[in-house]
PDB file of N, CA and C in Angstrom:
ATOM      1  N   TYR A   1       1.235  -1.321  -0.273  1.00  0.00           N
ATOM      2  CA  TYR A   1      -0.561   0.278  -0.433  1.00  0.00           C
ATOM      3  C   TYR A   1       0.779   1.304   0.359  1.00  0.00           C
ATOM      4  N   GLU A   2       1.704   0.989   0.558  1.00  0.00           N
ATOM      5  CA  GLU A   2       2.737   2.539  -0.113  1.00  0.00           C
ATOM      6  C   GLU A   2       3.523   3.120  -0.945  1.00  0.00           C
ATOM      7  N   GLY A   3       3.185   1.750  -1.876  1.00  0.00           N
ATOM      8  CA  GLY A   3       3.748   2.229  -3.081  1.00  0.00           C
ATOM      9  C   GLY A   3       4.700   1.458  -3.733  1.00  0.00           C
ATOM     10  N   GLY A   4       5.355   1.922  -5.276  1.00  0.00           N
ATOM     11  CA  GLY A   4       6.766   1.444  -5.433  1.00  0.00           C
ATOM     12  C   GLY A   4       6.600   2.108  -6.801  1.00  0.00           C
ATOM     13  N   ALA A   5       7.351   1.380  -7.311  1.00  0.00           N
ATOM     14  CA  ALA A   5       8.139   1.963  -8.673  1.00  0.00           C
ATOM     15  C   ALA A   5       9.125   0.490  -9.321  1.00  0.00           C
ATOM     16  N   PHE A   6       8.229   0.497 -10.238  1.00  0.00           N
ATOM     17  CA  PHE A   6       9.540   0.213 -11.547  1.00  0.00           C
ATOM     18  C   PHE A   6      10.052   0.388 -13.174  1.00  0.00           C
ATOM     19  N   THR A   7      10.872   0.428 -13.544  1.00  0.00           N
ATOM     20  CA  THR A   7      11.660   0.539 -14.470  1.00  0.00           C
ATOM     21  C   THR A   7      11.919  -0.693 -15.795  1.00  0.00           C
ATOM     22  N   THR A   8      11.347  -0.355 -16.496  1.00  0.00           N
ATOM     23  CA  THR A   8      11.616  -1.018 -17.980  1.00  0.00           C
ATOM     24  C   THR A   8      13.477  -0.748 -18.254  1.00  0.00           C
ATOM     25  N   LYS A   9      13.303  -1.895 -19.076  1.00  0.00           N
ATOM     26  CA  LYS A   9      14.903  -2.033 -19.822  1.00  0.00           C
ATOM     27  C   LYS A   9      14.904  -0.907 -21.303  1.00  0.00           C
ATOM     28  N   PRO A  10      15.479  -0.356 -22.188  1.00  0.00           N
ATOM     29  CA  PRO A  10      15.491   0.799 -22.890  1.00  0.00           C
ATOM     30  C   PRO A  10      13.829  -0.357 -23.853  1.00  0.00           C
ATOM     31  N   ILE A  11      13.312  -0.001 -24.631  1.00  0.00           N
ATOM     32  CA  ILE A  11      12.705  -0.391 -25.525  1.00  0.00           C
ATOM     33  C   ILE A  11      12.659   0.063 -27.457  1.00  0.00           C
ATOM     34  N   VAL A  12      11.972   0.258 -28.145  1.00  0.00           N
ATOM     35  CA  VAL A  12      11.669   0.419 -29.708  1.00  0.00           C
ATOM     36  C   VAL A  12      10.669  -0.099 -29.223  1.00  0.00           C
ATOM     37  N   PHE A  13       9.426   1.308 -29.888  1.00  0.00           N
ATOM     38  CA  PHE A  13       8.223   0.742 -30.645  1.00  0.00           C
ATOM     39  C   PHE A  13       7.391   1.496 -31.426  1.00  0.00           C
ATOM     40  N   ALA A  14       6.454   0.771 -31.433  1.00  0.00           N
ATOM     41  CA  ALA A  14       5.673   1.147 -32.725  1.00  0.00           C
ATOM     42  C   ALA A  14       4.616   1.686 -32.504  1.00  0.00           C
ATOM     43  N   GLY A  15       3.580   2.240 -33.006  1.00  0.00           N
ATOM     44  CA  GLY A  15       2.337   2.871 -32.623  1.00  0.00           C
ATOM     45  C   GLY A  15       2.672   4.066 -32.315  1.00  0.00           C
ATOM     46  N   SER A  16       1.343   4.916 -31.892  1.00  0.00           N
ATOM     47  CA  SER A  16       0.866   6.298 -31.749  1.00  0.00           C
ATOM     48  C   SER A  16      -0.011   6.114 -30.388  1.00  0.00           C
ATOM     49  N   LYS A  17       0.186   5.420 -29.765  1.00  0.00           N
ATOM     50  CA  LYS A  17      -0.560   4.982 -27.757  1.00  0.00           C
ATOM     51  C   LYS A  17      -0.461   3.845 -27.385  1.00  0.00           C
ATOM     52  N   LEU A  18       0.021   3.833 -26.229  1.00  0.00           N
ATOM     53  CA  LEU A  18       0.242   2.993 -25.268  1.00  0.00           C
ATOM     54  C   LEU A  18      -0.987   3.127 -24.532  1.00  0.00           C
ATOM     55  N   SER A  19      -0.714   1.596 -23.984  1.00  0.00           N
ATOM     56  CA  SER A  19      -2.286   0.946 -23.294  1.00  0.00           C
ATOM     57  C   SER A  19      -1.689  -0.255 -21.967  1.00  0.00           C
ATOM     58  N   ILE A  20      -2.137  -0.239 -20.967  1.00  0.00           N
ATOM     59  CA  ILE A  20      -2.241  -0.934 -20.367  1.00  0.00           C
ATOM     60  C   ILE A  20      -3.366  -1.540 -19.383  1.00  0.00           C
ATOM     61  N   ASN A  21      -3.272  -2.778 -18.649  1.00  0.00           N
ATOM     62  CA  ASN A  21      -4.254  -3.915 -18.519  1.00  0.00           C
ATOM     63  C   ASN A  21      -3.573  -3.770 -16.870  1.00  0.00           C
ATOM     64  N   MET A  22      -4.406  -3.043 -15.746  1.00  0.00           N
ATOM     65  CA  MET A  22      -3.733  -2.540 -15.109  1.00  0.00           C
ATOM     66  C   MET A  22      -5.254  -2.942 -14.009  1.00  0.00           C
ATOM     67  N   ALA A  23      -5.246  -2.941 -12.871  1.00  0.00           N
ATOM     68  CA  ALA A  23      -5.610  -2.413 -11.670  1.00  0.00           C
ATOM     69  C   ALA A  23      -5.134  -2.153  -9.868  1.00  0.00           C
ATOM     70  N   THR A  24      -6.237  -1.016  -9.632  1.00  0.00           N
ATOM     71  CA  THR A  24      -6.085   0.611  -8.831  1.00  0.00           C
ATOM     72  C   THR A  24      -7.386  -0.238  -7.987  1.00  0.00           C
ATOM     73  N   SER A  25      -6.074  -0.338  -6.938  1.00  0.00           N
ATOM     74  CA  SER A  25      -7.955   0.381  -5.390  1.00  0.00           C
ATOM     75  C   SER A  25      -8.669   1.306  -5.290  1.00  0.00           C
ATOM     76  N   ALA A  26      -9.659   1.148  -4.176  1.00  0.00           N
ATOM     77  CA  ALA A  26      -9.963   2.900  -4.632  1.00  0.00           C
ATOM     78  C   ALA A  26      -8.898   3.967  -4.867  1.00  0.00           C
ATOM     79  N   ALA A  27      -8.140   3.342  -3.800  1.00  0.00           N
ATOM     80  CA  ALA A  27      -7.667   3.942  -3.238  1.00  0.00           C
ATOM     81  C   ALA A  27      -5.939   4.741  -3.760  1.00  0.00           C
ATOM     82  N   GLY A  28      -5.890   3.763  -4.847  1.00  0.00           N
ATOM     83  CA  GLY A  28      -4.743   3.209  -5.384  1.00  0.00           C
ATOM     84  C   GLY A  28      -4.656   4.425  -7.046  1.00  0.00           C
ATOM     85  N   SER A  29      -3.252   4.367  -7.173  1.00  0.00           N
ATOM     86  CA  SER A  29      -2.760   5.112  -8.531  1.00  0.00           C
ATOM     87  C   SER A  29      -1.652   4.778  -9.403  1.00  0.00           C
ATOM     88  N   ILE A  30      -1.501   5.114 -11.109  1.00  0.00           N
ATOM     89  CA  ILE A  30      -0.738   4.666 -11.831  1.00  0.00           C
ATOM     90  C   ILE A  30       0.024   5.126 -12.479  1.00  0.00           C
ATOM     91  N   TRP A  31       0.686   6.396 -12.773  1.00  0.00           N
ATOM     92  CA  TRP A  31       1.511   7.305 -13.291  1.00  0.00           C
ATOM     93  C   TRP A  31       2.274   6.457 -14.258  1.00  0.00           C
ATOM     94  N   VAL A  32       2.727   7.644 -15.412  1.00  0.00           N
ATOM     95  CA  VAL A  32       3.882   6.314 -15.987  1.00  0.00           C
ATOM     96  C   VAL A  32       3.930   7.623 -16.696  1.00  0.00           C
ATOM     97  N   GLU A  33       5.599   7.703 -16.438  1.00  0.00           N
ATOM     98  CA  GLU A  33       6.920   8.348 -17.346  1.00  0.00           C
ATOM     99  C   GLU A  33       7.343   7.632 -18.383  1.00  0.00           C
ATOM    100  N   ILE A  34       7.652   8.671 -19.416  1.00  0.00           N
ATOM    101  CA  ILE A  34       8.392   8.191 -20.216  1.00  0.00           C
ATOM    102  C   ILE A  34       9.627   8.253 -20.827  1.00  0.00           C
ATOM    103  N   GLN A  35      11.042   7.976 -20.317  1.00  0.00           N
ATOM    104  CA  GLN A  35      12.519   8.824 -20.543  1.00  0.00           C
ATOM    105  C   GLN A  35      13.198   8.128 -21.812  1.00  0.00           C
ATOM    106  N   GLU A  36      14.430   8.234 -21.342  1.00  0.00           N
ATOM    107  CA  GLU A  36      15.583   8.473 -23.204  1.00  0.00           C
ATOM    108  C   GLU A  36      15.646   6.968 -22.768  1.00  0.00           C
ATOM    109  N   ALA A  37      16.720   6.162 -23.475  1.00  0.00           N
ATOM    110  CA  ALA A  37      17.006   5.014 -22.354  1.00  0.00           C
ATOM    111  C   ALA A  37      18.293   4.967 -21.589  1.00  0.00           C
ATOM    112  N   ASP A  38      18.659   6.313 -21.495  1.00  0.00           N
ATOM    113  CA  ASP A  38      19.541   6.569 -20.808  1.00  0.00           C
ATOM    114  C   ASP A  38      18.670   7.237 -19.014  1.00  0.00           C
ATOM    115  N   GLY A  39      17.414   7.233 -18.406  1.00  0.00           N
ATOM    116  CA  GLY A  39      16.992   7.689 -17.522  1.00  0.00           C
ATOM    117  C   GLY A  39      16.452   8.773 -17.462  1.00  0.00           C
ATOM    118  N   THR A  40      16.969   9.725 -18.014  1.00  0.00           N
ATOM    119  CA  THR A  40      16.142  10.985 -18.248  1.00  0.00           C
ATOM    120  C   THR A  40      14.286  11.286 -18.761  1.00  0.00           C
ATOM    121  N   PRO A  41      13.988  11.918 -18.262  1.00  0.00           N
ATOM    122  CA  PRO A  41      11.983  12.262 -18.520  1.00  0.00           C
ATOM    123  C   PRO A  41      12.576  12.653 -19.307  1.00  0.00           C
ATOM    124  N   ILE A  42      11.614  12.568 -20.649  1.00  0.00           N
ATOM    125  CA  ILE A  42      11.031  13.241 -21.812  1.00  0.00           C
ATOM    126  C   ILE A  42      10.712  14.532 -21.601  1.00  0.00           C
ATOM    127  N   PRO A  43      10.953  15.417 -22.467  1.00  0.00           N
ATOM    128  CA  PRO A  43      10.020  17.092 -21.924  1.00  0.00           C
ATOM    129  C   PRO A  43       8.809  16.917 -22.150  1.00  0.00           C
ATOM    130  N   GLY A  44       7.290  16.620 -21.237  1.00  0.00           N
ATOM    131  CA  GLY A  44       5.479  16.620 -22.241  1.00  0.00           C
ATOM    132  C   GLY A  44       5.486  15.062 -21.424  1.00  0.00           C
ATOM    133  N   PHE A  45       6.054  14.025 -21.299  1.00  0.00           N
ATOM    134  CA  PHE A  45       5.962  12.441 -20.505  1.00  0.00           C
ATOM    135  C   PHE A  45       6.623  12.640 -19.354  1.00  0.00           C
ATOM    136  N   THR A  46       6.457  13.966 -18.517  1.00  0.00           N
ATOM    137  CA  THR A  46       7.592  13.332 -17.710  1.00  0.00           C
ATOM    138  C   THR A  46       6.447  12.874 -16.427  1.00  0.00           C
ATOM    139  N   ARG A  47       7.255  12.653 -15.051  1.00  0.00           N
ATOM    140  CA  ARG A  47       5.528  12.523 -14.314  1.00  0.00           C
ATOM    141  C   ARG A  47       4.940  13.594 -13.556  1.00  0.00           C
ATOM    142  N   ALA A  48       5.443  14.506 -14.161  1.00  0.00           N
ATOM    143  CA  ALA A  48       4.202  15.156 -13.829  1.00  0.00           C
ATOM    144  C   ALA A  48       3.373  16.057 -14.545  1.00  0.00           C
ATOM    145  N   ASP A  49       4.390  15.291 -15.693  1.00  0.00           N
ATOM    146  CA  ASP A  49       2.609  15.684 -16.916  1.00  0.00           C
ATOM    147  C   ASP A  49       1.754  14.771 -17.405  1.00  0.00           C
ATOM    148  N   ALA A  50       2.071  13.265 -16.307  1.00  0.00           N
ATOM    149  CA  ALA A  50       1.330  12.249 -16.244  1.00  0.00           C
ATOM    150  C   ALA A  50       0.105  12.767 -15.905  1.00  0.00           C
ATOM    151  N   ASP A  51      -0.994  11.821 -16.231  1.00  0.00           N
ATOM    152  CA  ASP A  51      -2.348  12.192 -16.038  1.00  0.00           C
ATOM    153  C   ASP A  51      -2.368  10.333 -15.089  1.00  0.00           C
ATOM    154  N   GLU A  52      -2.870  10.648 -13.529  1.00  0.00           N
ATOM    155  CA  GLU A  52      -2.635   9.570 -13.145  1.00  0.00           C
ATOM    156  C   GLU A  52      -4.438   8.104 -13.724  1.00  0.00           C
ATOM    157  N   LEU A  53      -3.893   7.549 -13.454  1.00  0.00           N
ATOM    158  CA  LEU A  53      -4.742   6.858 -13.876  1.00  0.00           C
ATOM    159  C   LEU A  53      -5.163   5.435 -12.241  1.00  0.00           C
ATOM    160  N   ILE A  54      -6.945   5.511 -12.743  1.00  0.00           N
ATOM    161  CA  ILE A  54      -6.696   4.629 -11.672  1.00  0.00           C
ATOM    162  C   ILE A  54      -8.696   3.999 -12.000  1.00  0.00           C
ATOM    163  N   GLY A  55      -8.671   2.288 -11.292  1.00  0.00           N
ATOM    164  CA  GLY A  55      -9.694   1.762 -12.287  1.00  0.00           C
ATOM    165  C   GLY A  55      -9.712   0.802 -11.940  1.00  0.00           C
ATOM    166  N   ASP A  56     -10.140  -0.875 -13.053  1.00  0.00           N
ATOM    167  CA  ASP A  56      -9.493  -1.841 -14.179  1.00  0.00           C
ATOM    168  C   ASP A  56      -9.480  -2.131 -14.910  1.00  0.00           C
ATOM    169  N   PHE A  57      -8.756  -2.096 -16.418  1.00  0.00           N
ATOM    170  CA  PHE A  57      -8.692  -2.391 -17.055  1.00  0.00           C
ATOM    171  C   PHE A  57      -7.991  -3.081 -18.204  1.00  0.00           C
ATOM    172  N   ILE A  58      -8.743  -3.844 -19.015  1.00  0.00           N
ATOM    173  CA  ILE A  58      -7.996  -4.850 -19.748  1.00  0.00           C
ATOM    174  C   ILE A  58      -7.160  -3.456 -20.606  1.00  0.00           C
ATOM    175  N   ALA A  59      -7.899  -2.278 -21.188  1.00  0.00           N
ATOM    176  CA  ALA A  59      -6.947  -1.718 -22.454  1.00  0.00           C
ATOM    177  C   ALA A  59      -7.324  -0.341 -21.661  1.00  0.00           C
ATOM    178  N   ARG A  60      -6.382   0.305 -20.697  1.00  0.00           N
ATOM    179  CA  ARG A  60      -6.294   1.975 -21.079  1.00  0.00           C
ATOM    180  C   ARG A  60      -5.408   2.363 -21.424  1.00  0.00           C
ATOM    181  N   ASN A  61      -6.318   3.565 -22.484  1.00  0.00           N
ATOM    182  CA  ASN A  61      -4.668   4.470 -22.675  1.00  0.00           C
ATOM    183  C   ASN A  61      -4.068   5.076 -22.104  1.00  0.00           C
ATOM    184  N   VAL A  62      -2.194   4.976 -21.732  1.00  0.00           N
ATOM    185  CA  VAL A  62      -1.997   6.414 -20.829  1.00  0.00           C
ATOM    186  C   VAL A  62      -1.760   7.624 -21.721  1.00  0.00           C
ATOM    187  N   THR A  63      -2.031   8.742 -21.245  1.00  0.00           N
ATOM    188  CA  THR A  63      -1.963  10.098 -21.016  1.00  0.00           C
ATOM    189  C   THR A  63      -1.331  10.687 -20.596  1.00  0.00           C
ATOM    190  N   TRP A  64      -0.804  11.376 -21.172  1.00  0.00           N
ATOM    191  CA  TRP A  64      -0.245  12.481 -20.980  1.00  0.00           C
ATOM    192  C   TRP A  64      -0.293  14.374 -20.401  1.00  0.00           C
ATOM    193  N   LYS A  65      -0.950  15.738 -19.642  1.00  0.00           N
ATOM    194  CA  LYS A  65      -1.350  16.250 -19.796  1.00  0.00           C
ATOM    195  C   LYS A  65      -3.191  15.718 -20.591  1.00  0.00           C
ATOM    196  N   GLU A  66      -4.026  14.617 -20.639  1.00  0.00           N
ATOM    197  CA  GLU A  66      -4.920  14.409 -22.013  1.00  0.00           C
ATOM    198  C   GLU A  66      -4.889  13.808 -22.747  1.00  0.00           C
ATOM    199  N   SER A  67      -3.619  14.277 -23.051  1.00  0.00           N
ATOM    200  CA  SER A  67      -3.354  12.874 -24.702  1.00  0.00           C
ATOM    201  C   SER A  67      -2.650  12.208 -25.370  1.00  0.00           C
ATOM    202  N   ALA A  68      -2.916  11.417 -25.570  1.00  0.00           N
ATOM    203  CA  ALA A  68      -2.248   9.947 -25.756  1.00  0.00           C
ATOM    204  C   ALA A  68      -1.363   9.738 -26.892  1.00  0.00           C
ATOM    205  N   ASP A  69      -0.859  10.369 -27.376  1.00  0.00           N
ATOM    206  CA  ASP A  69      -0.037  10.758 -29.015  1.00  0.00           C
ATOM    207  C   ASP A  69       1.520  10.354 -28.434  1.00  0.00           C
ATOM    208  N   VAL A  70       2.045   9.096 -28.929  1.00  0.00           N
ATOM    209  CA  VAL A  70       3.203   9.200 -28.279  1.00  0.00           C
ATOM    210  C   VAL A  70       3.869   9.149 -29.374  1.00  0.00           C
ATOM    211  N   SER A  71       3.094   8.746 -30.925  1.00  0.00           N
ATOM    212  CA  SER A  71       4.175   8.474 -31.757  1.00  0.00           C
ATOM    213  C   SER A  71       5.440  10.015 -32.464  1.00  0.00           C
ATOM    214  N   ALA A  72       4.781  10.793 -31.801  1.00  0.00           N
ATOM    215  CA  ALA A  72       6.605  11.660 -31.375  1.00  0.00           C
ATOM    216  C   ALA A  72       7.987  10.384 -31.188  1.00  0.00           C
ATOM    217  N   LEU A  73       7.414   9.440 -30.297  1.00  0.00           N
ATOM    218  CA  LEU A  73       8.901   8.646 -29.548  1.00  0.00           C
ATOM    219  C   LEU A  73       9.455   7.763 -30.464  1.00  0.00           C
ATOM    220  N   ALA A  74       7.985   7.104 -31.546  1.00  0.00           N
ATOM    221  CA  ALA A  74       7.739   6.021 -31.748  1.00  0.00           C
ATOM    222  C   ALA A  74       9.819   5.526 -32.542  1.00  0.00           C
ATOM    223  N   GLY A  75       9.584   3.823 -32.357  1.00  0.00           N
ATOM    224  CA  GLY A  75      11.426   3.711 -33.068  1.00  0.00           C
ATOM    225  C   GLY A  75      12.561   4.630 -32.572  1.00  0.00           C
ATOM    226  N   LYS A  76      12.527   5.078 -31.672  1.00  0.00           N
ATOM    227  CA  LYS A  76      13.279   5.497 -30.723  1.00  0.00           C
ATOM    228  C   LYS A  76      13.640   3.924 -29.423  1.00  0.00           C
ATOM    229  N   PRO A  77      14.631   4.749 -28.998  1.00  0.00           N
ATOM    230  CA  PRO A  77      15.011   3.434 -27.471  1.00  0.00           C
ATOM    231  C   PRO A  77      14.327   4.076 -26.641  1.00  0.00           C
ATOM    232  N   ILE A  78      13.236   3.536 -25.463  1.00  0.00           N
ATOM    233  CA  ILE A  78      13.196   4.849 -24.647  1.00  0.00           C
ATOM    234  C   ILE A  78      12.299   3.208 -23.104  1.00  0.00           C
ATOM    235  N   ARG A  79      12.627   3.982 -22.362  1.00  0.00           N
ATOM    236  CA  ARG A  79      12.354   3.562 -20.726  1.00  0.00           C
ATOM    237  C   ARG A  79      10.942   3.954 -20.191  1.00  0.00           C
ATOM    238  N   LEU A  80      10.445   2.422 -19.713  1.00  0.00           N
ATOM    239  CA  LEU A  80       9.009   3.420 -18.991  1.00  0.00           C
ATOM    240  C   LEU A  80       9.598   3.443 -17.349  1.00  0.00           C
ATOM    241  N   HIS A  81       9.447   4.017 -17.129  1.00  0.00           N
ATOM    242  CA  HIS A  81       8.985   4.278 -15.663  1.00  0.00           C
ATOM    243  C   HIS A  81       7.150   4.366 -15.292  1.00  0.00           C
ATOM    244  N   PHE A  82       7.852   3.694 -14.542  1.00  0.00           N
ATOM    245  CA  PHE A  82       5.842   3.139 -13.176  1.00  0.00           C
ATOM    246  C   PHE A  82       6.011   3.626 -11.982  1.00  0.00           C
ATOM    247  N   ASP A  83       5.427   4.330 -11.647  1.00  0.00           N
ATOM    248  CA  ASP A  83       5.151   4.829 -10.471  1.00  0.00           C
ATOM    249  C   ASP A  83       3.125   4.605  -9.846  1.00  0.00           C
ATOM    250  N   MET A  84       3.575   3.354  -8.432  1.00  0.00           N
ATOM    251  CA  MET A  84       1.643   2.475  -8.558  1.00  0.00           C
ATOM    252  C   MET A  84       1.796   2.896  -6.678  1.00  0.00           C
ATOM    253  N   LYS A  85       0.608   2.934  -6.252  1.00  0.00           N
ATOM    254  CA  LYS A  85       0.284   2.752  -4.767  1.00  0.00           C
ATOM    255  C   LYS A  85      -1.261   2.119  -5.491  1.00  0.00           C
ATOM    256  N   ASP A  86      -1.376   0.666  -4.956  1.00  0.00           N
ATOM    257  CA  ASP A  86      -2.012   0.043  -4.695  1.00  0.00           C
ATOM    258  C   ASP A  86      -2.909  -0.575  -5.200  1.00  0.00           C
ATOM    259  N   ALA A  87      -1.131  -0.744  -6.359  1.00  0.00           N
ATOM    260  CA  ALA A  87      -2.228  -1.030  -7.876  1.00  0.00           C
ATOM    261  C   ALA A  87      -1.124  -2.501  -8.603  1.00  0.00           C
ATOM    262  N   ASP A  88      -1.566  -2.658  -9.779  1.00  0.00           N
ATOM    263  CA  ASP A  88      -0.946  -4.173 -10.552  1.00  0.00           C
ATOM    264  C   ASP A  88      -0.919  -3.216 -12.103  1.00  0.00           C
ATOM    265  N   VAL A  89      -0.143  -4.325 -12.934  1.00  0.00           N
ATOM    266  CA  VAL A  89      -0.075  -3.535 -13.751  1.00  0.00           C
ATOM    267  C   VAL A  89       0.619  -5.250 -14.351  1.00  0.00           C
ATOM    268  N   TYR A  90      -0.562  -5.458 -15.506  1.00  0.00           N
ATOM    269  CA  TYR A  90      -0.715  -6.620 -15.547  1.00  0.00           C
ATOM    270  C   TYR A  90       0.190  -6.670 -17.237  1.00  0.00           C
ATOM    271  N   ALA A  91       0.101  -6.430 -18.658  1.00  0.00           N
ATOM    272  CA  ALA A  91       0.812  -6.173 -19.058  1.00  0.00           C
ATOM    273  C   ALA A  91       0.684  -4.822 -20.339  1.00  0.00           C
ATOM    274  N   ILE A  92       1.802  -4.555 -20.830  1.00  0.00           N
ATOM    275  CA  ILE A  92       1.600  -3.518 -22.272  1.00  0.00           C
ATOM    276  C   ILE A  92       1.388  -3.467 -23.631  1.00  0.00           C
ATOM    277  N   GLN A  93       0.964  -2.384 -24.031  1.00  0.00           N
ATOM    278  CA  GLN A  93       1.212  -2.351 -25.988  1.00  0.00           C
ATOM    279  C   GLN A  93       1.368  -1.354 -26.690  1.00  0.00           C
ATOM    280  N   PHE A  94       1.904  -0.854 -27.503  1.00  0.00           N
ATOM    281  CA  PHE A  94       1.524   0.176 -27.967  1.00  0.00           C
ATOM    282  C   PHE A  94       1.432  -0.476 -29.251  1.00  0.00           C
ATOM    283  N   GLY A  95       0.133   0.801 -29.974  1.00  0.00           N
ATOM    284  CA  GLY A  95      -0.545  -0.016 -30.618  1.00  0.00           C
ATOM    285  C   GLY A  95      -1.330   1.804 -31.573  1.00  0.00           C
ATOM    286  N   ASN A  96      -2.151   1.698 -32.448  1.00  0.00           N
ATOM    287  CA  ASN A  96      -2.822   2.651 -32.806  1.00  0.00           C
ATOM    288  C   ASN A  96      -4.101   2.686 -32.563  1.00  0.00           C
TER     289      ASN A  96
END
């Protein structure tokens, strides 16, 4: 319940949106930051820009300042950093 975080290894993706299979408690939440391969937060996709994700979804689009568009980062190595509190992430997927 205190929360935790994890960061992926560098990945290269195709697509314009990131969706996650996730579940949180009523008091839980998830925030996703996109980072350069070296771990530097990418402007526009930082933790501060991330919209809080709450609920139970098979495929929930991740958004930053209410925008889900990640197409500008497609084809480049990035890392995903997840900050979570009383939450589970089961899968991630990039698509259109």
